[in-house]
Amino acid sequence: MSVLILLVAAYLLGSIPFAIVSSRLFGLEDPRRYGSGNPGATNVLRSGNKAAAALTLIGDCLKGWLAVWAAARLGFGAFEAALAGIAAFLGHVFTIFLRFNGGKGVATALGVLAGIDWRIALASLVVWLLVAFGTRYSSAGALAAAVAAPVAGAVLLGLGPVAGALAAMSAVLIWRHSANIKRLLAGTEGRIGGKKKV
């Protein structure tokens, strides 16, 4: 298998919109129509259905992890496997199935990190938990974790192509949260557990 085919397959895998899939399975409203309008686990949680949110979270994480794992199993090197993970991440953010308008990519990025090195994923998850539940802003946790991930990657794996790939993924994730950053500064960002807009 060529690297190009690997990346296309990983992108298509990442494009599966688990927020939409889980919402339909549980008979919920399309998550793009309430809350932040983001097709991700945090917004699905605003529906009040924790099972649907959990399914979304697991699915989004798994597709990032699976892309990296499959690439490694197929004999690709660490950098190519990291690129496959990033392709899955980009598939989630710019999913072809939703006219290239996907989620923010936090859960999928976590799955990618877990596939590359579980220690990087753990460090990022701890940062997310501390900041998100300390402030009750999921976006603040995501931004902090996005900064922590490439730092942890550089410390654990050294400065190299994989660490550079992680930095690129984090940059996209932070960019995708630009509207959240504005709302955080304005004090209008939705909190974890907040009610959905009616």
C-alpha atoms as a PDB file:
ATOM      1  CA  MET A   1       0.000   0.000   0.000  1.00  0.00           C
ATOM      2  CA  SER A   2       1.302   3.452  -0.896  1.00  0.00           C
ATOM      3  CA  VAL A   3       1.407   6.317   1.571  1.00  0.00           C
ATOM      4  CA  LEU A   4      -1.161   8.211  -0.520  1.00  0.00           C
ATOM      5  CA  ILE A   5      -3.689   5.360  -0.302  1.00  0.00           C
ATOM      6  CA  LEU A   6      -3.023   5.111   3.437  1.00  0.00           C
ATOM      7  CA  LEU A   7      -3.716   8.811   3.949  1.00  0.00           C
ATOM      8  CA  VAL A   8      -6.897   8.773   1.859  1.00  0.00           C
ATOM      9  CA  ALA A   9      -8.193   5.738   3.770  1.00  0.00           C
ATOM     10  CA  ALA A  10      -7.340   7.399   7.091  1.00  0.00           C
ATOM     11  CA  TYR A  11      -9.080  10.602   6.007  1.00  0.00           C
ATOM     12  CA  LEU A  12     -12.254   8.696   5.081  1.00  0.00           C
ATOM     13  CA  LEU A  13     -12.145   6.855   8.399  1.00  0.00           C
ATOM     14  CA  GLY A  14     -11.820  10.147  10.248  1.00  0.00           C
ATOM     15  CA  SER A  15     -14.704  11.597   8.255  1.00  0.00           C
ATOM     16  CA  ILE A  16     -17.255   9.284   9.905  1.00  0.00           C
ATOM     17  CA  PRO A  17     -19.386  11.753  11.963  1.00  0.00           C
ATOM     18  CA  PHE A  18     -20.051   9.788  15.137  1.00  0.00           C
ATOM     19  CA  ALA A  19     -21.956  12.715  16.672  1.00  0.00           C
ATOM     20  CA  ILE A  20     -24.520  12.439  13.888  1.00  0.00           C
ATOM     21  CA  VAL A  21     -24.523   8.639  13.947  1.00  0.00           C
ATOM     22  CA  SER A  22     -25.008   8.382  17.716  1.00  0.00           C
ATOM     23  CA  SER A  23     -27.672  11.104  17.731  1.00  0.00           C
ATOM     24  CA  ARG A  24     -29.680   9.221  15.120  1.00  0.00           C
ATOM     25  CA  LEU A  25     -29.265   5.937  16.977  1.00  0.00           C
ATOM     26  CA  PHE A  26     -30.700   7.527  20.133  1.00  0.00           C
ATOM     27  CA  GLY A  27     -33.390   9.488  18.291  1.00  0.00           C
ATOM     28  CA  LEU A  28     -31.885  12.854  19.186  1.00  0.00           C
ATOM     29  CA  GLU A  29     -31.899  16.150  17.345  1.00  0.00           C
ATOM     30  CA  ASP A  30     -29.016  16.840  14.975  1.00  0.00           C
ATOM     31  CA  PRO A  31     -26.254  18.306  17.213  1.00  0.00           C
ATOM     32  CA  ARG A  32     -25.557  20.936  14.564  1.00  0.00           C
ATOM     33  CA  ARG A  33     -28.914  22.521  15.453  1.00  0.00           C
ATOM     34  CA  TYR A  34     -28.351  23.298  19.123  1.00  0.00           C
ATOM     35  CA  GLY A  35     -25.710  24.427  21.595  1.00  0.00           C
ATOM     36  CA  SER A  36     -22.471  25.301  19.861  1.00  0.00           C
ATOM     37  CA  GLY A  37     -23.648  23.626  16.657  1.00  0.00           C
ATOM     38  CA  ASN A  38     -20.512  21.497  16.725  1.00  0.00           C
ATOM     39  CA  PRO A  39     -20.864  17.794  15.796  1.00  0.00           C
ATOM     40  CA  GLY A  40     -18.804  16.549  18.727  1.00  0.00           C
ATOM     41  CA  ALA A  41     -19.175  14.773  22.052  1.00  0.00           C
ATOM     42  CA  THR A  42     -19.344  17.903  24.216  1.00  0.00           C
ATOM     43  CA  ASN A  43     -22.232  19.318  22.225  1.00  0.00           C
ATOM     44  CA  VAL A  44     -24.055  15.962  22.130  1.00  0.00           C
ATOM     45  CA  LEU A  45     -23.784  15.980  25.932  1.00  0.00           C
ATOM     46  CA  ARG A  46     -25.860  19.175  25.910  1.00  0.00           C
ATOM     47  CA  SER A  47     -28.766  17.054  24.666  1.00  0.00           C
ATOM     48  CA  GLY A  48     -28.843  15.481  28.117  1.00  0.00           C
ATOM     49  CA  ASN A  49     -28.140  12.007  26.736  1.00  0.00           C
ATOM     50  CA  LYS A  50     -24.884  10.857  28.335  1.00  0.00           C
ATOM     51  CA  ALA A  51     -24.906   7.518  26.488  1.00  0.00           C
ATOM     52  CA  ALA A  52     -25.005   9.240  23.097  1.00  0.00           C
ATOM     53  CA  ALA A  53     -22.232  11.600  24.165  1.00  0.00           C
ATOM     54  CA  ALA A  54     -20.129   8.667  25.392  1.00  0.00           C
ATOM     55  CA  LEU A  55     -20.642   6.784  22.127  1.00  0.00           C
ATOM     56  CA  THR A  56     -19.595   9.881  20.200  1.00  0.00           C
ATOM     57  CA  LEU A  57     -16.503  10.318  22.334  1.00  0.00           C
ATOM     58  CA  ILE A  58     -15.462   6.679  22.001  1.00  0.00           C
ATOM     59  CA  GLY A  59     -16.065   6.608  18.254  1.00  0.00           C
ATOM     60  CA  ASP A  60     -14.171   9.830  17.620  1.00  0.00           C
ATOM     61  CA  CYS A  61     -11.232   8.663  19.744  1.00  0.00           C
ATOM     62  CA  LEU A  62     -11.116   5.226  18.164  1.00  0.00           C
ATOM     63  CA  LYS A  63     -10.929   6.445  14.590  1.00  0.00           C
ATOM     64  CA  GLY A  64      -7.839   8.517  15.402  1.00  0.00           C
ATOM     65  CA  TRP A  65      -6.198   5.628  17.243  1.00  0.00           C
ATOM     66  CA  LEU A  66      -7.160   3.087  14.570  1.00  0.00           C
ATOM     67  CA  ALA A  67      -5.565   5.112  11.774  1.00  0.00           C
ATOM     68  CA  VAL A  68      -2.208   5.145  13.582  1.00  0.00           C
ATOM     69  CA  TRP A  69      -2.456   1.511  14.696  1.00  0.00           C
ATOM     70  CA  ALA A  70      -3.397   0.247  11.231  1.00  0.00           C
ATOM     71  CA  ALA A  71      -0.545   2.164   9.600  1.00  0.00           C
ATOM     72  CA  ALA A  72       1.936   0.614  12.020  1.00  0.00           C
ATOM     73  CA  ARG A  73       0.473  -2.860  11.485  1.00  0.00           C
ATOM     74  CA  LEU A  74       0.833  -2.416   7.737  1.00  0.00           C
ATOM     75  CA  GLY A  75       4.548  -1.798   8.180  1.00  0.00           C
ATOM     76  CA  PHE A  76       4.706   1.968   7.866  1.00  0.00           C
ATOM     77  CA  GLY A  77       7.193   3.917   9.960  1.00  0.00           C
ATOM     78  CA  ALA A  78       6.440   6.135  12.947  1.00  0.00           C
ATOM     79  CA  PHE A  79       6.228   9.318  10.887  1.00  0.00           C
ATOM     80  CA  GLU A  80       3.912   7.799   8.269  1.00  0.00           C
ATOM     81  CA  ALA A  81       1.728   6.378  11.052  1.00  0.00           C
ATOM     82  CA  ALA A  82       1.572   9.834  12.638  1.00  0.00           C
ATOM     83  CA  LEU A  83       0.585  11.294   9.257  1.00  0.00           C
ATOM     84  CA  ALA A  84      -2.195   8.704   8.991  1.00  0.00           C
ATOM     85  CA  GLY A  85      -3.462   9.820  12.381  1.00  0.00           C
ATOM     86  CA  ILE A  86      -3.388  13.440  11.314  1.00  0.00           C
ATOM     87  CA  ALA A  87      -5.254  12.525   8.122  1.00  0.00           C
ATOM     88  CA  ALA A  88      -7.976  10.966  10.290  1.00  0.00           C
ATOM     89  CA  PHE A  89      -7.983  14.098  12.447  1.00  0.00           C
ATOM     90  CA  LEU A  90      -8.387  16.276   9.344  1.00  0.00           C
ATOM     91  CA  GLY A  91     -11.148  13.953   8.165  1.00  0.00           C
ATOM     92  CA  HIS A  92     -13.019  14.667  11.384  1.00  0.00           C
ATOM     93  CA  VAL A  93     -12.459  18.417  11.174  1.00  0.00           C
ATOM     94  CA  PHE A  94     -13.214  18.642   7.448  1.00  0.00           C
ATOM     95  CA  THR A  95     -15.452  15.625   6.926  1.00  0.00           C
ATOM     96  CA  ILE A  96     -16.456  14.923   3.364  1.00  0.00           C
ATOM     97  CA  PHE A  97     -19.790  13.573   4.610  1.00  0.00           C
ATOM     98  CA  LEU A  98     -20.831  16.941   6.106  1.00  0.00           C
ATOM     99  CA  ARG A  99     -19.634  19.171   3.257  1.00  0.00           C
ATOM    100  CA  PHE A 100     -16.223  19.539   4.922  1.00  0.00           C
ATOM    101  CA  ASN A 101     -17.755  21.089   8.051  1.00  0.00           C
ATOM    102  CA  GLY A 102     -16.893  18.740  10.899  1.00  0.00           C
ATOM    103  CA  GLY A 103     -16.064  18.888  14.586  1.00  0.00           C
ATOM    104  CA  LYS A 104     -13.269  20.561  16.492  1.00  0.00           C
ATOM    105  CA  GLY A 105     -11.174  17.385  16.583  1.00  0.00           C
ATOM    106  CA  VAL A 106     -10.352  17.102  20.289  1.00  0.00           C
ATOM    107  CA  ALA A 107     -11.397  13.470  20.806  1.00  0.00           C
ATOM    108  CA  THR A 108      -9.912  12.344  17.504  1.00  0.00           C
ATOM    109  CA  ALA A 109      -6.655  14.114  18.322  1.00  0.00           C
ATOM    110  CA  LEU A 110      -6.572  12.267  21.647  1.00  0.00           C
ATOM    111  CA  GLY A 111      -6.967   8.983  19.791  1.00  0.00           C
ATOM    112  CA  VAL A 112      -4.108   9.926  17.472  1.00  0.00           C
ATOM    113  CA  LEU A 113      -1.900  10.724  20.457  1.00  0.00           C
ATOM    114  CA  ALA A 114      -2.781   7.382  22.057  1.00  0.00           C
ATOM    115  CA  GLY A 115      -1.777   5.610  18.862  1.00  0.00           C
ATOM    116  CA  ILE A 116       1.552   7.415  18.681  1.00  0.00           C
ATOM    117  CA  ASP A 117       2.498   7.154  22.368  1.00  0.00           C
ATOM    118  CA  TRP A 118       0.100   6.530  25.250  1.00  0.00           C
ATOM    119  CA  ARG A 119       2.201   8.747  27.525  1.00  0.00           C
ATOM    120  CA  ILE A 120       1.565  11.793  25.327  1.00  0.00           C
ATOM    121  CA  ALA A 121      -2.148  11.010  25.318  1.00  0.00           C
ATOM    122  CA  LEU A 122      -2.183  10.606  29.095  1.00  0.00           C
ATOM    123  CA  ALA A 123      -0.354  13.880  29.682  1.00  0.00           C
ATOM    124  CA  SER A 124      -2.742  15.724  27.361  1.00  0.00           C
ATOM    125  CA  LEU A 125      -5.792  14.082  28.923  1.00  0.00           C
ATOM    126  CA  VAL A 126      -4.697  15.051  32.423  1.00  0.00           C
ATOM    127  CA  VAL A 127      -4.215  18.654  31.309  1.00  0.00           C
ATOM    128  CA  TRP A 128      -7.654  18.641  29.654  1.00  0.00           C
ATOM    129  CA  LEU A 129      -9.353  17.214  32.753  1.00  0.00           C
ATOM    130  CA  LEU A 130      -7.687  19.658  35.119  1.00  0.00           C
ATOM    131  CA  VAL A 131      -8.468  22.733  33.033  1.00  0.00           C
ATOM    132  CA  ALA A 132     -11.885  21.694  31.686  1.00  0.00           C
ATOM    133  CA  PHE A 133     -13.358  20.639  35.009  1.00  0.00           C
ATOM    134  CA  GLY A 134     -11.518  23.332  36.920  1.00  0.00           C
ATOM    135  CA  THR A 135     -13.094  26.025  34.747  1.00  0.00           C
ATOM    136  CA  ARG A 136     -16.106  24.047  33.422  1.00  0.00           C
ATOM    137  CA  TYR A 137     -15.094  25.144  29.934  1.00  0.00           C
ATOM    138  CA  SER A 138     -14.402  22.218  27.626  1.00  0.00           C
ATOM    139  CA  SER A 139     -12.816  24.537  25.078  1.00  0.00           C
ATOM    140  CA  ALA A 140     -10.336  25.874  27.648  1.00  0.00           C
ATOM    141  CA  GLY A 141      -9.305  22.311  28.426  1.00  0.00           C
ATOM    142  CA  ALA A 142      -8.933  21.536  24.744  1.00  0.00           C
ATOM    143  CA  LEU A 143      -6.743  24.567  24.151  1.00  0.00           C
ATOM    144  CA  ALA A 144      -4.526  23.725  27.113  1.00  0.00           C
ATOM    145  CA  ALA A 145      -4.218  20.120  25.947  1.00  0.00           C
ATOM    146  CA  ALA A 146      -3.383  21.298  22.421  1.00  0.00           C
ATOM    147  CA  VAL A 147      -0.446  23.232  23.835  1.00  0.00           C
ATOM    148  CA  ALA A 148       0.607  20.352  26.089  1.00  0.00           C
ATOM    149  CA  ALA A 149       0.591  17.646  23.385  1.00  0.00           C
ATOM    150  CA  PRO A 150       3.517  18.830  21.213  1.00  0.00           C
ATOM    151  CA  VAL A 151       5.483  19.773  24.325  1.00  0.00           C
ATOM    152  CA  ALA A 152       5.018  16.263  25.721  1.00  0.00           C
ATOM    153  CA  GLY A 153       5.851  14.832  22.302  1.00  0.00           C
ATOM    154  CA  ALA A 154       9.093  16.768  22.127  1.00  0.00           C
ATOM    155  CA  VAL A 155      10.067  15.723  25.658  1.00  0.00           C
ATOM    156  CA  LEU A 156       9.230  12.031  25.190  1.00  0.00           C
ATOM    157  CA  LEU A 157      10.130  11.514  21.516  1.00  0.00           C
ATOM    158  CA  GLY A 158      12.627  14.293  20.909  1.00  0.00           C
ATOM    159  CA  LEU A 159      12.498  17.069  18.362  1.00  0.00           C
ATOM    160  CA  GLY A 160      11.820  15.351  15.063  1.00  0.00           C
ATOM    161  CA  PRO A 161       9.222  14.729  12.340  1.00  0.00           C
ATOM    162  CA  VAL A 162       6.674  13.130  14.687  1.00  0.00           C
ATOM    163  CA  ALA A 163       6.877  16.011  17.160  1.00  0.00           C
ATOM    164  CA  GLY A 164       6.519  18.405  14.231  1.00  0.00           C
ATOM    165  CA  ALA A 165       3.430  16.550  13.052  1.00  0.00           C
ATOM    166  CA  LEU A 166       1.927  16.845  16.527  1.00  0.00           C
ATOM    167  CA  ALA A 167       2.618  20.579  16.553  1.00  0.00           C
ATOM    168  CA  ALA A 168       0.847  20.940  13.191  1.00  0.00           C
ATOM    169  CA  MET A 169      -2.181  19.021  14.476  1.00  0.00           C
ATOM    170  CA  SER A 170      -2.297  21.202  17.589  1.00  0.00           C
ATOM    171  CA  ALA A 171      -2.121  24.350  15.467  1.00  0.00           C
ATOM    172  CA  VAL A 172      -5.174  23.230  13.473  1.00  0.00           C
ATOM    173  CA  LEU A 173      -7.012  22.349  16.678  1.00  0.00           C
ATOM    174  CA  ILE A 174      -6.324  25.777  18.178  1.00  0.00           C
ATOM    175  CA  TRP A 175      -7.403  27.454  14.934  1.00  0.00           C
ATOM    176  CA  ARG A 176     -10.660  25.477  15.010  1.00  0.00           C
ATOM    177  CA  HIS A 177     -11.291  26.919  18.463  1.00  0.00           C
ATOM    178  CA  SER A 178     -10.871  30.552  17.372  1.00  0.00           C
ATOM    179  CA  ALA A 179     -14.572  31.288  17.935  1.00  0.00           C
ATOM    180  CA  ASN A 180     -14.369  29.628  21.359  1.00  0.00           C
ATOM    181  CA  ILE A 181     -11.397  31.800  22.247  1.00  0.00           C
ATOM    182  CA  LYS A 182     -13.410  34.908  21.421  1.00  0.00           C
ATOM    183  CA  ARG A 183     -16.338  33.675  23.540  1.00  0.00           C
ATOM    184  CA  LEU A 184     -14.016  32.787  26.424  1.00  0.00           C
ATOM    185  CA  LEU A 185     -12.587  36.297  26.381  1.00  0.00           C
ATOM    186  CA  ALA A 186     -16.105  37.754  26.212  1.00  0.00           C
ATOM    187  CA  GLY A 187     -17.399  35.496  28.998  1.00  0.00           C
ATOM    188  CA  THR A 188     -20.113  33.998  26.789  1.00  0.00           C
ATOM    189  CA  GLU A 189     -18.686  30.505  26.220  1.00  0.00           C
ATOM    190  CA  GLY A 190     -20.998  27.623  27.101  1.00  0.00           C
ATOM    191  CA  ARG A 191     -20.030  25.599  30.138  1.00  0.00           C
ATOM    192  CA  ILE A 192     -19.865  21.823  30.529  1.00  0.00           C
ATOM    193  CA  GLY A 193     -23.297  20.544  31.489  1.00  0.00           C
ATOM    194  CA  GLY A 194     -25.014  23.705  30.276  1.00  0.00           C
ATOM    195  CA  LYS A 195     -28.512  23.482  28.852  1.00  0.00           C
ATOM    196  CA  LYS A 196     -28.963  23.342  25.114  1.00  0.00           C
ATOM    197  CA  LYS A 197     -30.397  26.373  23.389  1.00  0.00           C
ATOM    198  CA  VAL A 198     -34.100  26.186  22.585  1.00  0.00           C
END
